[in-house]
């Protein structure tokens, strides 16, 4: 059974890619800092959930995907949205419930997606529910011949939900190209990991479903990217779902209203010294891939982008009252018209080319046709094929004569062979 491990692959990135990771982590943090200021000015509608200290996970994992791949973020995965191509103005307007937002002001936080271009599935508030959804996306991609990988995230607390296990079991049984990133940030709201699960490594939960898992330092963006890239490549190659546990720490409370006084000061101080951006900046400076001039140029670029997009969001109108009655129910193509994008001939999946016979088979119990064909026996062993099955003789104990077999009847109705 596959076990948990750390990726053995070496990072093979260009200088441009190393700097991309730095840029997106910086952008992730600055977007959230901008929204924190807007929240304190009472310009954010609803809650605000910080990923301070976890930026390397969202950025490193999403950066490992290809454009054709699909992702479904949680509310702390703004970095993944930015990597996928969502502009900061969409994130600002969405949190401010403006008419120019992706949901036209009808929803808040990161509850929006892009099915047509960026391949983003909207977050689901019920923790864990994205796992079976993204398993379905991966299965659909395989059916359509798209060779895609689906990725989503879950927290340490969310890994204790029933649907986490149901979803992983479904993904494993279907050999789905799913990469699940488990962000172990030490706290499920105010409950420490040790109080909610008797495991040192949450990656061990993958063993129950016979799938591979990795354990990674969630504050090392290069290690996160390298591990995620290996997982994505293996999933795309048909090796099934993979679980990545990224160990990190949430340096702010569950949301802006939570001061997180329950966190021991020593623990907070330890993780603040391991800030993922500060560590990575030091890494780049030591190798000469970033210098003071380059850092200043990047800061100017970030400031100009954020200032422009923030002004756009603040000057955008709120949605008109009449919009409240629109888009409540899907009314057909005028609402949205999603069509499958086939990248394989459809007739490959239809008779006579389809290679899957419309029967089920259980080793040792014979075969039976599906209920649609009119003969679906109640007991696995109760089929004519099994009754007349030819098997090696039980007696004598010596080897049978070459080519000789003995026929015996299968057990009667309802009996299971021992």
Protein backbone atom coordinates (compact mmCIF):
# COMPACT_ATOMS: atom_id res chain seq x y z
CA UNK A 1 0.00 0.00 0.00
CA UNK A 2 1.41 3.41 -0.87
CA UNK A 3 2.65 5.36 2.12
CA UNK A 4 3.37 8.95 2.98
CA UNK A 5 6.62 10.41 1.81
CA UNK A 6 8.44 13.56 0.83
CA UNK A 7 8.97 14.15 -2.88
CA UNK A 8 12.40 13.05 -4.06
CA UNK A 9 12.32 15.16 -7.22
CA UNK A 10 14.56 18.18 -7.47
CA UNK A 11 13.03 21.49 -8.42
CA UNK A 12 13.76 22.29 -12.06
CA UNK A 13 12.64 25.89 -12.36
CA UNK A 14 13.92 28.74 -14.44
CA UNK A 15 14.85 32.07 -12.86
CA UNK A 16 11.58 33.48 -14.21
CA UNK A 17 9.61 30.71 -12.49
CA UNK A 18 11.40 31.25 -9.18
CA UNK A 19 10.50 34.93 -9.37
CA UNK A 20 6.90 34.09 -10.35
CA UNK A 21 6.47 32.18 -7.11
CA UNK A 22 7.81 35.18 -5.20
CA UNK A 23 5.56 37.60 -7.08
CA UNK A 24 2.39 35.61 -6.47
CA UNK A 25 3.13 35.13 -2.77
CA UNK A 26 3.73 38.87 -2.41
CA UNK A 27 0.57 39.61 -4.38
CA UNK A 28 -1.41 37.17 -2.23
CA UNK A 29 -0.31 38.90 0.96
CA UNK A 30 -0.77 42.44 -0.34
CA UNK A 31 -4.27 41.67 -1.64
CA UNK A 32 -5.24 40.41 1.81
CA UNK A 33 -3.62 43.36 3.58
CA UNK A 34 -5.55 45.72 1.31
CA UNK A 35 -8.79 43.93 2.17
CA UNK A 36 -7.97 44.07 5.87
CA UNK A 37 -7.83 47.86 5.61
CA UNK A 38 -11.08 47.89 3.64
CA UNK A 39 -12.69 45.67 6.29
CA UNK A 40 -11.72 48.09 9.05
CA UNK A 41 -13.27 50.86 6.98
CA UNK A 42 -16.51 48.84 6.89
CA UNK A 43 -16.27 48.38 3.12
CA UNK A 44 -16.16 44.58 3.11
CA UNK A 45 -19.53 42.81 3.13
CA UNK A 46 -19.48 39.72 5.34
CA UNK A 47 -16.44 37.96 6.78
CA UNK A 48 -12.79 38.16 5.84
CA UNK A 49 -10.57 35.11 6.19
CA UNK A 50 -6.80 35.51 6.19
CA UNK A 51 -4.18 33.10 4.88
CA UNK A 52 -1.29 34.95 6.55
CA UNK A 53 1.59 32.49 6.77
CA UNK A 54 0.01 29.99 4.36
CA UNK A 55 0.70 31.76 1.05
CA UNK A 56 3.31 29.23 -0.07
CA UNK A 57 0.71 26.46 -0.15
CA UNK A 58 -1.89 28.17 -2.33
CA UNK A 59 0.72 29.57 -4.70
CA UNK A 60 3.02 26.54 -4.88
CA UNK A 61 0.28 24.00 -5.50
CA UNK A 62 -1.69 26.04 -8.04
CA UNK A 63 1.50 26.92 -9.92
CA UNK A 64 2.00 23.18 -10.54
CA UNK A 65 -1.20 22.99 -12.61
CA UNK A 66 -1.52 23.49 -16.34
CA UNK A 67 -3.99 25.91 -17.89
CA UNK A 68 -6.34 23.08 -18.85
CA UNK A 69 -6.51 21.77 -15.27
CA UNK A 70 -9.30 22.56 -12.82
CA UNK A 71 -9.17 23.83 -9.25
CA UNK A 72 -11.66 24.53 -6.49
CA UNK A 73 -10.34 26.83 -3.75
CA UNK A 74 -11.32 27.20 -0.14
CA UNK A 75 -11.80 30.68 1.31
CA UNK A 76 -8.11 30.98 2.30
CA UNK A 77 -6.79 30.05 -1.17
CA UNK A 78 -6.78 33.51 -2.75
CA UNK A 79 -3.21 32.83 -3.88
CA UNK A 80 -4.45 29.95 -6.04
CA UNK A 81 -7.00 32.25 -7.69
CA UNK A 82 -4.30 34.80 -8.48
CA UNK A 83 -2.04 32.14 -10.00
CA UNK A 84 -4.94 30.88 -12.15
CA UNK A 85 -5.43 34.36 -13.56
CA UNK A 86 -8.09 36.04 -11.41
CA UNK A 87 -7.27 39.78 -11.19
CA UNK A 88 -7.23 41.49 -7.76
CA UNK A 89 -10.16 43.71 -8.80
CA UNK A 90 -12.41 40.65 -9.03
CA UNK A 91 -11.41 39.65 -5.50
CA UNK A 92 -11.95 43.19 -4.17
CA UNK A 93 -15.34 43.70 -5.85
CA UNK A 94 -16.48 40.24 -4.79
CA UNK A 95 -15.71 40.90 -1.13
CA UNK A 96 -17.35 44.34 -1.39
CA UNK A 97 -20.49 42.91 -3.08
CA UNK A 98 -20.20 45.30 -6.01
CA UNK A 99 -22.17 45.07 -9.25
CA UNK A 100 -18.90 44.67 -11.19
CA UNK A 101 -17.94 41.53 -9.23
CA UNK A 102 -17.99 38.04 -10.77
CA UNK A 103 -21.34 37.35 -9.04
CA UNK A 104 -22.64 40.89 -9.68
CA UNK A 105 -22.83 41.52 -5.96
CA UNK A 106 -24.93 38.46 -5.11
CA UNK A 107 -22.31 36.61 -3.09
CA UNK A 108 -19.26 37.40 -1.01
CA UNK A 109 -15.74 36.22 -0.11
CA UNK A 110 -14.32 33.84 -2.72
CA UNK A 111 -17.63 32.24 -3.68
CA UNK A 112 -17.27 32.59 -7.42
CA UNK A 113 -15.89 30.52 -10.25
CA UNK A 114 -15.09 30.53 -13.95
CA UNK A 115 -16.16 27.40 -15.80
CA UNK A 116 -15.50 28.63 -19.33
CA UNK A 117 -11.99 30.07 -19.27
CA UNK A 118 -10.05 29.66 -16.01
CA UNK A 119 -11.59 26.32 -14.98
CA UNK A 120 -12.39 27.36 -11.41
CA UNK A 121 -15.15 25.74 -9.35
CA UNK A 122 -16.68 27.99 -6.70
CA UNK A 123 -15.99 27.14 -3.03
CA UNK A 124 -18.63 25.23 -1.08
CA UNK A 125 -19.18 26.33 2.53
CA UNK A 126 -19.76 22.77 3.77
CA UNK A 127 -16.20 21.62 4.39
CA UNK A 128 -15.12 18.60 2.38
CA UNK A 129 -17.91 18.75 -0.19
CA UNK A 130 -15.50 19.92 -2.87
CA UNK A 131 -13.68 16.57 -2.74
CA UNK A 132 -16.44 14.47 -4.39
CA UNK A 133 -17.26 17.40 -6.70
CA UNK A 134 -13.68 17.61 -7.97
CA UNK A 135 -13.55 13.82 -8.21
CA UNK A 136 -16.48 14.15 -10.58
CA UNK A 137 -14.65 16.83 -12.55
CA UNK A 138 -11.64 14.52 -12.91
CA UNK A 139 -13.85 11.63 -14.01
CA UNK A 140 -15.63 13.83 -16.55
CA UNK A 141 -12.31 14.99 -17.96
CA UNK A 142 -11.20 11.40 -18.43
CA UNK A 143 -14.51 10.51 -20.10
CA UNK A 144 -14.16 13.43 -22.51
CA UNK A 145 -10.52 12.60 -23.25
CA UNK A 146 -9.17 15.87 -21.84
CA UNK A 147 -6.32 14.44 -19.71
CA UNK A 148 -6.92 17.00 -16.97
CA UNK A 149 -6.10 17.02 -13.27
CA UNK A 150 -8.48 18.37 -10.63
CA UNK A 151 -7.16 20.01 -7.44
CA UNK A 152 -8.81 21.20 -4.26
CA UNK A 153 -7.86 21.99 -0.69
CA UNK A 154 -9.07 21.05 2.80
CA UNK A 155 -8.03 22.02 6.32
CA UNK A 156 -7.02 19.81 9.22
CA UNK A 157 -10.47 20.20 10.79
CA UNK A 158 -12.22 19.52 7.49
CA UNK A 159 -10.37 16.22 7.18
CA UNK A 160 -12.52 14.91 10.02
CA UNK A 161 -15.79 15.37 8.13
CA UNK A 162 -17.60 12.37 6.70
CA UNK A 163 -17.55 13.69 3.16
CA UNK A 164 -13.74 13.94 3.27
CA UNK A 165 -13.60 10.16 3.62
CA UNK A 166 -16.49 9.49 1.25
CA UNK A 167 -14.90 11.71 -1.37
CA UNK A 168 -11.44 10.14 -1.06
CA UNK A 169 -12.95 6.67 -1.22
CA UNK A 170 -14.83 7.61 -4.39
CA UNK A 171 -11.70 9.11 -5.93
CA UNK A 172 -9.66 6.02 -5.05
CA UNK A 173 -12.23 3.53 -6.33
CA UNK A 174 -12.52 5.46 -9.61
CA UNK A 175 -8.76 6.07 -9.93
CA UNK A 176 -9.57 9.75 -10.45
CA UNK A 177 -6.88 12.29 -11.36
CA UNK A 178 -7.41 14.27 -8.15
CA UNK A 179 -4.78 16.08 -6.06
CA UNK A 180 -6.08 16.95 -2.59
CA UNK A 181 -4.02 19.44 -0.58
CA UNK A 182 -4.54 19.16 3.18
CA UNK A 183 -3.45 22.40 4.85
CA UNK A 184 -2.56 21.39 8.39
CA UNK A 185 -2.41 24.86 9.97
CA UNK A 186 -2.55 23.44 13.53
CA UNK A 187 -5.97 24.83 14.46
CA UNK A 188 -9.54 24.01 13.41
CA UNK A 189 -10.97 27.34 14.49
CA UNK A 190 -9.99 27.13 18.17
CA UNK A 191 -9.42 23.37 18.40
CA UNK A 192 -5.80 22.16 18.14
CA UNK A 193 -5.13 19.20 15.87
CA UNK A 194 -4.07 16.96 18.75
CA UNK A 195 -7.51 17.36 20.33
CA UNK A 196 -9.46 16.34 17.24
CA UNK A 197 -7.48 13.46 15.72
CA UNK A 198 -5.02 10.91 17.21
CA UNK A 199 -2.54 11.12 14.32
CA UNK A 200 0.82 12.81 14.03
CA UNK A 201 0.57 12.99 10.24
CA UNK A 202 -2.81 13.56 8.65
CA UNK A 203 -1.34 12.24 5.39
CA UNK A 204 -1.70 8.79 6.96
CA UNK A 205 -5.43 9.02 6.27
CA UNK A 206 -4.64 8.20 2.66
CA UNK A 207 -3.61 4.68 3.68
CA UNK A 208 -7.23 3.75 4.35
CA UNK A 209 -7.97 4.16 0.65
CA UNK A 210 -4.76 2.74 -0.79
CA UNK A 211 -3.64 6.02 -2.33
CA UNK A 212 -0.34 7.85 -2.29
CA UNK A 213 0.37 10.74 0.02
CA UNK A 214 3.12 13.26 0.64
CA UNK A 215 4.15 15.35 3.63
CA UNK A 216 5.61 18.74 2.83
CA UNK A 217 6.85 21.84 4.66
CA UNK A 218 4.02 24.22 3.85
CA UNK A 219 6.25 27.26 4.46
CA UNK A 220 8.77 26.27 1.76
CA UNK A 221 7.24 27.30 -1.56
CA UNK A 222 9.82 25.44 -3.67
CA UNK A 223 9.21 22.21 -1.77
CA UNK A 224 5.45 22.72 -2.05
CA UNK A 225 5.69 23.34 -5.80
CA UNK A 226 8.05 20.42 -6.41
CA UNK A 227 5.83 18.00 -4.51
CA UNK A 228 2.65 19.29 -6.13
CA UNK A 229 4.20 19.08 -9.60
CA UNK A 230 5.16 15.45 -9.03
CA UNK A 231 1.66 14.67 -7.71
CA UNK A 232 -0.01 16.39 -10.68
CA UNK A 233 2.16 14.49 -13.17
CA UNK A 234 1.44 11.14 -11.50
CA UNK A 235 -2.29 11.81 -11.34
CA UNK A 236 -2.32 12.81 -15.02
CA UNK A 237 -0.43 9.63 -15.90
CA UNK A 238 -3.25 7.54 -14.45
CA UNK A 239 -1.81 6.69 -11.02
CA UNK A 240 -4.96 7.82 -9.22
CA UNK A 241 -5.64 10.41 -6.51
CA UNK A 242 -2.89 11.79 -4.28
CA UNK A 243 -3.08 13.50 -0.88
CA UNK A 244 -0.54 16.17 0.08
CA UNK A 245 -0.32 17.25 3.72
CA UNK A 246 1.28 20.69 4.01
CA UNK A 247 2.29 21.53 7.56
CA UNK A 248 1.98 25.23 8.33
CA UNK A 249 0.39 27.68 10.75
CA UNK A 250 -2.51 30.13 10.55
CA UNK A 251 -1.10 33.33 12.03
CA UNK A 252 -4.42 35.09 12.36
CA UNK A 253 -7.73 33.99 13.78
CA UNK A 254 -10.41 32.08 11.96
CA UNK A 255 -11.70 35.41 10.60
CA UNK A 256 -11.25 39.11 11.34
CA UNK A 257 -13.56 38.90 14.36
CA UNK A 258 -11.37 36.24 16.00
CA UNK A 259 -8.30 37.51 17.95
CA UNK A 260 -7.02 33.91 18.32
CA UNK A 261 -6.19 34.38 22.01
CA UNK A 262 -6.30 30.60 22.37
CA UNK A 263 -2.97 30.23 20.52
CA UNK A 264 0.03 29.91 22.89
CA UNK A 265 2.41 32.88 22.43
CA UNK A 266 5.38 30.53 22.06
CA UNK A 267 3.74 28.72 19.15
CA UNK A 268 2.91 31.94 17.38
CA UNK A 269 6.46 33.26 17.86
CA UNK A 270 7.96 30.04 16.47
CA UNK A 271 5.96 30.20 13.26
CA UNK A 272 6.38 33.94 12.77
CA UNK A 273 10.11 33.30 12.49
CA UNK A 274 9.35 30.88 9.65
CA UNK A 275 7.41 33.33 7.49
CA UNK A 276 7.25 31.76 3.99
CA UNK A 277 7.83 35.01 2.11
CA UNK A 278 10.75 36.16 4.26
CA UNK A 279 12.37 32.72 3.97
CA UNK A 280 11.94 32.63 0.23
CA UNK A 281 13.20 36.17 -0.27
CA UNK A 282 16.37 35.22 1.61
CA UNK A 283 16.70 32.15 -0.62
CA UNK A 284 16.44 34.28 -3.79
CA UNK A 285 18.87 36.93 -2.53
CA UNK A 286 21.50 34.35 -1.57
CA UNK A 287 21.40 32.86 -5.07
CA UNK A 288 21.49 36.19 -6.83
CA UNK A 289 18.08 35.74 -8.48
CA UNK A 290 16.75 38.81 -6.67
CA UNK A 291 18.51 42.02 -5.72
CA UNK A 292 17.45 45.29 -4.10
CA UNK A 293 16.63 46.89 -7.44
CA UNK A 294 14.53 43.93 -8.54
CA UNK A 295 12.67 43.91 -5.25
CA UNK A 296 11.91 47.63 -5.51
CA UNK A 297 10.68 47.22 -9.08
CA UNK A 298 8.38 44.40 -8.02
CA UNK A 299 7.00 46.47 -5.14
CA UNK A 300 6.26 49.33 -7.52
CA UNK A 301 4.49 46.95 -9.88
CA UNK A 302 2.40 45.46 -7.05
CA UNK A 303 1.51 48.85 -5.58
CA UNK A 304 0.39 50.23 -8.95
CA UNK A 305 -1.77 47.17 -9.66
CA UNK A 306 -3.39 47.12 -6.24
CA UNK A 307 -4.01 50.86 -6.18
CA UNK A 308 -5.69 50.75 -9.58
CA UNK A 309 -7.85 47.73 -8.77
CA UNK A 310 -8.79 49.00 -5.32
CA UNK A 311 -9.93 52.31 -6.76
CA UNK A 312 -11.95 50.47 -9.38
CA UNK A 313 -13.65 48.40 -6.69
CA UNK A 314 -14.39 51.34 -4.41
CA UNK A 315 -15.83 53.38 -7.28
CA UNK A 316 -17.95 50.51 -8.59
CA UNK A 317 -21.72 50.67 -7.94
CA UNK A 318 -23.70 48.36 -5.72
CA UNK A 319 -26.12 46.06 -7.56
CA UNK A 320 -29.53 47.55 -8.49
CA UNK A 321 -32.55 46.37 -6.51
CA UNK A 322 -34.19 44.68 -9.49
CA UNK A 323 -31.23 42.30 -9.78
CA UNK A 324 -32.46 40.48 -6.66
CA UNK A 325 -35.08 38.58 -8.68
CA UNK A 326 -32.70 37.63 -11.49
CA UNK A 327 -30.57 34.53 -11.61
CA UNK A 328 -32.43 32.79 -8.80
CA UNK A 329 -33.30 29.82 -10.99
CA UNK A 330 -31.55 28.53 -14.08
CA UNK A 331 -33.84 29.11 -17.03
CA UNK A 332 -31.80 27.39 -19.71
CA UNK A 333 -29.34 28.66 -22.32
CA UNK A 334 -30.02 32.31 -21.48
CA UNK A 335 -28.73 31.54 -17.98
CA UNK A 336 -25.75 29.49 -19.08
CA UNK A 337 -25.17 26.96 -21.81
CA UNK A 338 -22.51 24.46 -20.80
CA UNK A 339 -21.64 21.90 -23.43
CA UNK A 340 -19.16 19.02 -23.11
CA UNK A 341 -15.83 19.67 -24.78
CA UNK A 342 -14.98 16.38 -26.43
CA UNK A 343 -11.33 15.70 -27.10
CA UNK A 344 -11.90 12.13 -28.21
CA UNK A 345 -14.31 10.56 -30.74
CA UNK A 346 -17.67 10.00 -29.06
CA UNK A 347 -18.12 6.66 -30.81
CA UNK A 348 -15.24 5.29 -28.71
CA UNK A 349 -17.69 5.25 -25.81
CA UNK A 350 -20.57 3.64 -27.71
CA UNK A 351 -21.13 0.13 -29.03
CA UNK A 352 -19.61 -1.51 -30.92
CA UNK A 353 -16.31 0.29 -30.15
CA UNK A 354 -16.90 0.57 -26.42
CA UNK A 355 -14.77 -2.07 -24.72
CA UNK A 356 -16.87 -2.34 -21.58
CA UNK A 357 -19.35 -5.20 -21.64
CA UNK A 358 -22.77 -4.52 -19.99
CA UNK A 359 -22.26 -7.20 -17.34
CA UNK A 360 -20.73 -7.32 -13.90
CA UNK A 361 -18.26 -9.96 -12.78
CA UNK A 362 -17.08 -11.01 -9.33
CA UNK A 363 -14.02 -13.30 -9.31
CA UNK A 364 -15.04 -16.76 -8.14
CA UNK A 365 -18.76 -16.02 -8.34
CA UNK A 366 -19.44 -16.02 -12.06
CA UNK A 367 -21.11 -13.35 -14.15
CA UNK A 368 -24.59 -11.86 -14.32
CA UNK A 369 -26.19 -9.39 -16.65
CA UNK A 370 -27.23 -5.97 -15.42
CA UNK A 371 -30.79 -5.36 -14.34
CA UNK A 372 -31.38 -3.40 -17.55
CA UNK A 373 -31.05 -6.60 -19.58
CA UNK A 374 -33.58 -8.45 -17.48
CA UNK A 375 -31.40 -10.91 -15.55
CA UNK A 376 -29.77 -9.64 -12.38
CA UNK A 377 -29.52 -12.52 -9.86
CA UNK A 378 -30.02 -11.74 -6.20
CA UNK A 379 -27.05 -13.86 -5.12
CA UNK A 380 -23.61 -13.50 -6.62
CA UNK A 381 -23.12 -17.23 -7.04
CA UNK A 382 -26.58 -17.98 -8.43
CA UNK A 383 -25.95 -17.87 -12.18
CA UNK A 384 -26.02 -20.64 -14.77
CA UNK A 385 -22.42 -19.82 -15.68
CA UNK A 386 -21.31 -20.42 -12.11
CA UNK A 387 -23.35 -23.61 -11.69
CA UNK A 388 -21.63 -25.15 -14.69
CA UNK A 389 -18.23 -23.70 -13.90
CA UNK A 390 -15.32 -26.04 -14.43
CA UNK A 391 -12.83 -26.03 -11.56
CA UNK A 392 -9.86 -28.14 -10.51
CA UNK A 393 -10.80 -31.22 -8.49
CA UNK A 394 -10.67 -30.92 -4.70
CA UNK A 395 -9.70 -34.60 -4.37
CA UNK A 396 -7.41 -36.44 -4.69
CA UNK A 397 -4.82 -34.23 -3.08
CA UNK A 398 -2.16 -35.09 -5.63
CA UNK A 399 -1.71 -33.11 -8.85
CA UNK A 400 -4.38 -33.89 -11.50
CA UNK A 401 -3.49 -35.55 -14.74
CA UNK A 402 -2.35 -33.14 -17.40
CA UNK A 403 -5.30 -31.34 -19.02
CA UNK A 404 -7.89 -33.11 -16.84
CA UNK A 405 -10.50 -31.10 -14.91
CA UNK A 406 -13.46 -32.10 -12.77
CA UNK A 407 -16.86 -30.40 -12.93
CA UNK A 408 -18.75 -29.70 -9.74
CA UNK A 409 -21.82 -27.67 -8.97
CA UNK A 410 -21.65 -24.30 -7.33
CA UNK A 411 -23.31 -23.84 -3.92
CA UNK A 412 -27.07 -23.60 -3.83
CA UNK A 413 -29.03 -20.37 -3.83
CA UNK A 414 -27.94 -17.96 -1.18
CA UNK A 415 -24.94 -19.97 0.01
CA UNK A 416 -21.49 -18.50 -0.11
CA UNK A 417 -18.54 -20.85 -0.79
CA UNK A 418 -16.10 -21.11 2.07
